């Protein structure tokens, strides 16, 4: 757990926000998509979800 929280910090991610989202989504996510919950993958996915202001 400490390693994942440290990785989140190294990737400029709020560890609390990341962990809360992971815990909320992990039960519903298929095993084949668990890699999306890793901090660096999570950050990229969240960046794509944010709409760009016109």
PDB file of N, CA and C in Angstrom:
ATOM      1  N   UNK A   1       0.819  -1.178   0.000  1.00  0.00           N
ATOM      2  CA  UNK A   1       0.000   0.000   0.000  1.00  0.00           C
ATOM      3  C   UNK A   1       0.873   1.256   0.000  1.00  0.00           C
ATOM      4  N   UNK A   2       1.924   1.231   0.793  1.00  0.00           N
ATOM      5  CA  UNK A   2       2.816   2.386   0.851  1.00  0.00           C
ATOM      6  C   UNK A   2       3.442   2.667  -0.510  1.00  0.00           C
ATOM      7  N   UNK A   3       3.799   1.614  -1.224  1.00  0.00           N
ATOM      8  CA  UNK A   3       4.390   1.784  -2.553  1.00  0.00           C
ATOM      9  C   UNK A   3       3.408   2.457  -3.502  1.00  0.00           C
ATOM     10  N   UNK A   4       2.150   2.028  -3.481  1.00  0.00           N
ATOM     11  CA  UNK A   4       1.151   2.629  -4.365  1.00  0.00           C
ATOM     12  C   UNK A   4       0.886   4.094  -4.015  1.00  0.00           C
ATOM     13  N   UNK A   5       0.830   4.415  -2.738  1.00  0.00           N
ATOM     14  CA  UNK A   5       0.619   5.796  -2.320  1.00  0.00           C
ATOM     15  C   UNK A   5       1.820   6.651  -2.727  1.00  0.00           C
ATOM     16  N   UNK A   6       3.010   6.115  -2.579  1.00  0.00           N
ATOM     17  CA  UNK A   6       4.215   6.840  -2.996  1.00  0.00           C
ATOM     18  C   UNK A   6       4.211   7.056  -4.502  1.00  0.00           C
ATOM     19  N   UNK A   7       3.823   6.037  -5.262  1.00  0.00           N
ATOM     20  CA  UNK A   7       3.731   6.172  -6.719  1.00  0.00           C
ATOM     21  C   UNK A   7       2.711   7.237  -7.096  1.00  0.00           C
ATOM     22  N   UNK A   8       1.616   7.308  -6.370  1.00  0.00           N
ATOM     23  CA  UNK A   8       0.611   8.349  -6.632  1.00  0.00           C
ATOM     24  C   UNK A   8       1.234   9.726  -6.424  1.00  0.00           C
ATOM     25  N   UNK A   9       1.937   9.896  -5.342  1.00  0.00           N
ATOM     26  CA  UNK A   9       2.593  11.186  -5.072  1.00  0.00           C
ATOM     27  C   UNK A   9       3.620  11.527  -6.141  1.00  0.00           C
ATOM     28  N   UNK A  10       4.389  10.536  -6.575  1.00  0.00           N
ATOM     29  CA  UNK A  10       5.395  10.768  -7.609  1.00  0.00           C
ATOM     30  C   UNK A  10       4.775  11.148  -8.953  1.00  0.00           C
ATOM     31  N   UNK A  11       3.521  10.756  -9.160  1.00  0.00           N
ATOM     32  CA  UNK A  11       2.813  11.081 -10.391  1.00  0.00           C
ATOM     33  C   UNK A  11       1.904  12.296 -10.225  1.00  0.00           C
ATOM     34  N   UNK A  12       2.152  13.096  -9.188  1.00  0.00           N
ATOM     35  CA  UNK A  12       1.373  14.309  -8.896  1.00  0.00           C
ATOM     36  C   UNK A  12      -0.122  14.028  -8.784  1.00  0.00           C
ATOM     37  N   UNK A  13      -0.458  12.977  -8.052  1.00  0.00           N
ATOM     38  CA  UNK A  13      -1.842  12.595  -7.812  1.00  0.00           C
ATOM     39  C   UNK A  13      -2.101  12.687  -6.318  1.00  0.00           C
ATOM     40  N   UNK A  14      -3.270  13.206  -5.959  1.00  0.00           N
ATOM     41  CA  UNK A  14      -3.672  13.238  -4.559  1.00  0.00           C
ATOM     42  C   UNK A  14      -3.949  11.794  -4.127  1.00  0.00           C
ATOM     43  N   UNK A  15      -3.129  11.236  -3.233  1.00  0.00           N
ATOM     44  CA  UNK A  15      -3.309   9.832  -2.849  1.00  0.00           C
ATOM     45  C   UNK A  15      -4.692   9.528  -2.277  1.00  0.00           C
ATOM     46  N   UNK A  16      -5.262  10.460  -1.538  1.00  0.00           N
ATOM     47  CA  UNK A  16      -6.592  10.227  -0.953  1.00  0.00           C
ATOM     48  C   UNK A  16      -7.661  10.139  -2.033  1.00  0.00           C
ATOM     49  N   UNK A  17      -7.616  11.025  -3.017  1.00  0.00           N
ATOM     50  CA  UNK A  17      -8.591  11.006  -4.108  1.00  0.00           C
ATOM     51  C   UNK A  17      -8.436   9.739  -4.929  1.00  0.00           C
ATOM     52  N   UNK A  18      -7.199   9.373  -5.221  1.00  0.00           N
ATOM     53  CA  UNK A  18      -6.933   8.169  -6.004  1.00  0.00           C
ATOM     54  C   UNK A  18      -7.431   6.931  -5.272  1.00  0.00           C
ATOM     55  N   UNK A  19      -7.081   6.812  -3.996  1.00  0.00           N
ATOM     56  CA  UNK A  19      -7.458   5.635  -3.220  1.00  0.00           C
ATOM     57  C   UNK A  19      -8.975   5.546  -3.055  1.00  0.00           C
ATOM     58  N   UNK A  20      -9.637   6.665  -2.825  1.00  0.00           N
ATOM     59  CA  UNK A  20     -11.096   6.663  -2.700  1.00  0.00           C
ATOM     60  C   UNK A  20     -11.751   6.191  -3.993  1.00  0.00           C
ATOM     61  N   UNK A  21     -11.242   6.654  -5.122  1.00  0.00           N
ATOM     62  CA  UNK A  21     -11.794   6.242  -6.409  1.00  0.00           C
ATOM     63  C   UNK A  21     -11.524   4.760  -6.668  1.00  0.00           C
ATOM     64  N   UNK A  22     -10.328   4.316  -6.366  1.00  0.00           N
ATOM     65  CA  UNK A  22      -9.973   2.905  -6.566  1.00  0.00           C
ATOM     66  C   UNK A  22     -10.867   2.008  -5.721  1.00  0.00           C
ATOM     67  N   UNK A  23     -11.046   2.342  -4.470  1.00  0.00           N
ATOM     68  CA  UNK A  23     -11.874   1.513  -3.591  1.00  0.00           C
ATOM     69  C   UNK A  23     -13.338   1.507  -4.032  1.00  0.00           C
ATOM     70  N   UNK A  24     -13.798   2.606  -4.602  1.00  0.00           N
ATOM     71  CA  UNK A  24     -15.177   2.669  -5.074  1.00  0.00           C
ATOM     72  C   UNK A  24     -15.377   1.845  -6.351  1.00  0.00           C
ATOM     73  N   UNK A  25     -14.353   1.739  -7.186  1.00  0.00           N
ATOM     74  CA  UNK A  25     -14.497   1.103  -8.496  1.00  0.00           C
ATOM     75  C   UNK A  25     -13.971  -0.326  -8.588  1.00  0.00           C
ATOM     76  N   UNK A  26     -13.122  -0.747  -7.675  1.00  0.00           N
ATOM     77  CA  UNK A  26     -12.402  -2.012  -7.839  1.00  0.00           C
ATOM     78  C   UNK A  26     -13.328  -3.228  -7.890  1.00  0.00           C
ATOM     79  N   UNK A  27     -14.409  -3.241  -7.143  1.00  0.00           N
ATOM     80  CA  UNK A  27     -15.298  -4.404  -7.109  1.00  0.00           C
ATOM     81  C   UNK A  27     -16.045  -4.592  -8.424  1.00  0.00           C
ATOM     82  N   UNK A  28     -16.298  -3.514  -9.146  1.00  0.00           N
ATOM     83  CA  UNK A  28     -17.077  -3.589 -10.378  1.00  0.00           C
ATOM     84  C   UNK A  28     -16.212  -3.737 -11.629  1.00  0.00           C
ATOM     85  N   UNK A  29     -14.915  -3.569 -11.490  1.00  0.00           N
ATOM     86  CA  UNK A  29     -14.024  -3.585 -12.643  1.00  0.00           C
ATOM     87  C   UNK A  29     -13.585  -5.015 -12.959  1.00  0.00           C
ATOM     88  N   UNK A  30     -13.671  -5.419 -14.237  1.00  0.00           N
ATOM     89  CA  UNK A  30     -13.188  -6.759 -14.587  1.00  0.00           C
ATOM     90  C   UNK A  30     -11.684  -6.875 -14.362  1.00  0.00           C
ATOM     91  N   UNK A  31     -11.224  -8.075 -14.101  1.00  0.00           N
ATOM     92  CA  UNK A  31      -9.804  -8.321 -13.835  1.00  0.00           C
ATOM     93  C   UNK A  31      -8.938  -7.820 -14.983  1.00  0.00           C
ATOM     94  N   UNK A  32      -9.429  -7.937 -16.192  1.00  0.00           N
ATOM     95  CA  UNK A  32      -8.644  -7.518 -17.358  1.00  0.00           C
ATOM     96  C   UNK A  32      -8.417  -6.013 -17.420  1.00  0.00           C
ATOM     97  N   UNK A  33      -9.159  -5.237 -16.618  1.00  0.00           N
ATOM     98  CA  UNK A  33      -9.003  -3.780 -16.621  1.00  0.00           C
ATOM     99  C   UNK A  33      -8.437  -3.228 -15.308  1.00  0.00           C
ATOM    100  N   UNK A  34      -7.975  -4.094 -14.419  1.00  0.00           N
ATOM    101  CA  UNK A  34      -7.443  -3.628 -13.135  1.00  0.00           C
ATOM    102  C   UNK A  34      -6.232  -2.717 -13.299  1.00  0.00           C
ATOM    103  N   UNK A  35      -5.487  -2.874 -14.379  1.00  0.00           N
ATOM    104  CA  UNK A  35      -4.322  -2.025 -14.618  1.00  0.00           C
ATOM    105  C   UNK A  35      -4.726  -0.551 -14.702  1.00  0.00           C
ATOM    106  N   UNK A  36      -5.986  -0.256 -15.027  1.00  0.00           N
ATOM    107  CA  UNK A  36      -6.459   1.123 -15.114  1.00  0.00           C
ATOM    108  C   UNK A  36      -6.459   1.817 -13.753  1.00  0.00           C
ATOM    109  N   UNK A  37      -6.399   1.051 -12.688  1.00  0.00           N
ATOM    110  CA  UNK A  37      -6.423   1.633 -11.350  1.00  0.00           C
ATOM    111  C   UNK A  37      -5.038   1.981 -10.816  1.00  0.00           C
ATOM    112  N   UNK A  38      -3.993   1.589 -11.536  1.00  0.00           N
ATOM    113  CA  UNK A  38      -2.643   1.978 -11.130  1.00  0.00           C
ATOM    114  C   UNK A  38      -2.519   3.492 -11.256  1.00  0.00           C
ATOM    115  N   UNK A  39      -1.770   4.128 -10.373  1.00  0.00           N
ATOM    116  CA  UNK A  39      -1.739   5.593 -10.341  1.00  0.00           C
ATOM    117  C   UNK A  39      -1.454   6.260 -11.684  1.00  0.00           C
ATOM    118  N   UNK A  40      -0.457   5.788 -12.415  1.00  0.00           N
ATOM    119  CA  UNK A  40      -0.106   6.445 -13.679  1.00  0.00           C
ATOM    120  C   UNK A  40      -1.172   6.218 -14.746  1.00  0.00           C
ATOM    121  N   UNK A  41      -1.826   5.079 -14.739  1.00  0.00           N
ATOM    122  CA  UNK A  41      -2.924   4.821 -15.686  1.00  0.00           C
ATOM    123  C   UNK A  41      -4.147   5.645 -15.293  1.00  0.00           C
ATOM    124  N   UNK A  42      -4.425   5.682 -14.003  1.00  0.00           N
ATOM    125  CA  UNK A  42      -5.569   6.413 -13.474  1.00  0.00           C
ATOM    126  C   UNK A  42      -5.462   7.894 -13.839  1.00  0.00           C
ATOM    127  N   UNK A  43      -4.276   8.448 -13.705  1.00  0.00           N
ATOM    128  CA  UNK A  43      -4.061   9.859 -14.023  1.00  0.00           C
ATOM    129  C   UNK A  43      -4.339  10.131 -15.497  1.00  0.00           C
ATOM    130  N   UNK A  44      -3.864   9.277 -16.374  1.00  0.00           N
ATOM    131  CA  UNK A  44      -4.084   9.457 -17.814  1.00  0.00           C
ATOM    132  C   UNK A  44      -5.561   9.368 -18.156  1.00  0.00           C
ATOM    133  N   UNK A  45      -6.260   8.418 -17.555  1.00  0.00           N
ATOM    134  CA  UNK A  45      -7.690   8.251 -17.810  1.00  0.00           C
ATOM    135  C   UNK A  45      -8.462   9.452 -17.290  1.00  0.00           C
ATOM    136  N   UNK A  46      -8.144   9.918 -16.111  1.00  0.00           N
ATOM    137  CA  UNK A  46      -8.818  11.089 -15.542  1.00  0.00           C
ATOM    138  C   UNK A  46      -8.542  12.331 -16.392  1.00  0.00           C
ATOM    139  N   UNK A  47      -7.360  12.454 -16.945  1.00  0.00           N
ATOM    140  CA  UNK A  47      -7.021  13.602 -17.779  1.00  0.00           C
ATOM    141  C   UNK A  47      -7.875  13.604 -19.052  1.00  0.00           C
ATOM    142  N   UNK A  48      -8.186  12.435 -19.573  1.00  0.00           N
ATOM    143  CA  UNK A  48      -9.021  12.341 -20.771  1.00  0.00           C
ATOM    144  C   UNK A  48     -10.481  12.637 -20.470  1.00  0.00           C
ATOM    145  N   UNK A  49     -10.915  12.417 -19.220  1.00  0.00           N
ATOM    146  CA  UNK A  49     -12.306  12.641 -18.816  1.00  0.00           C
ATOM    147  C   UNK A  49     -12.619  14.122 -18.633  1.00  0.00           C
ATOM    148  N   UNK A  50     -11.620  14.940 -18.364  1.00  0.00           N
ATOM    149  CA  UNK A  50     -11.837  16.366 -18.107  1.00  0.00           C
ATOM    150  C   UNK A  50     -12.108  17.073 -19.444  1.00  0.00           C
ATOM    151  N   UNK A  51     -13.278  17.689 -19.584  1.00  0.00           N
ATOM    152  CA  UNK A  51     -13.569  18.386 -20.830  1.00  0.00           C
ATOM    153  C   UNK A  51     -12.695  19.632 -20.998  1.00  0.00           C
ATOM    154  N   UNK A  52     -12.243  19.857 -22.184  1.00  0.00           N
ATOM    155  CA  UNK A  52     -11.400  21.012 -22.491  1.00  0.00           C
ATOM    156  C   UNK A  52     -12.303  22.226 -22.685  1.00  0.00           C
ATOM    157  N   UNK A  53     -11.994  23.316 -21.986  1.00  0.00           N
ATOM    158  CA  UNK A  53     -12.793  24.537 -22.093  1.00  0.00           C
ATOM    159  C   UNK A  53     -12.560  25.171 -23.465  1.00  0.00           C
ATOM    160  N   UNK A  54     -13.633  25.592 -24.087  1.00  0.00           N
ATOM    161  CA  UNK A  54     -13.534  26.187 -25.439  1.00  0.00           C
ATOM    162  C   UNK A  54     -13.324  27.665 -25.373  1.00  0.00           C
TER     163      UNK A  54
END
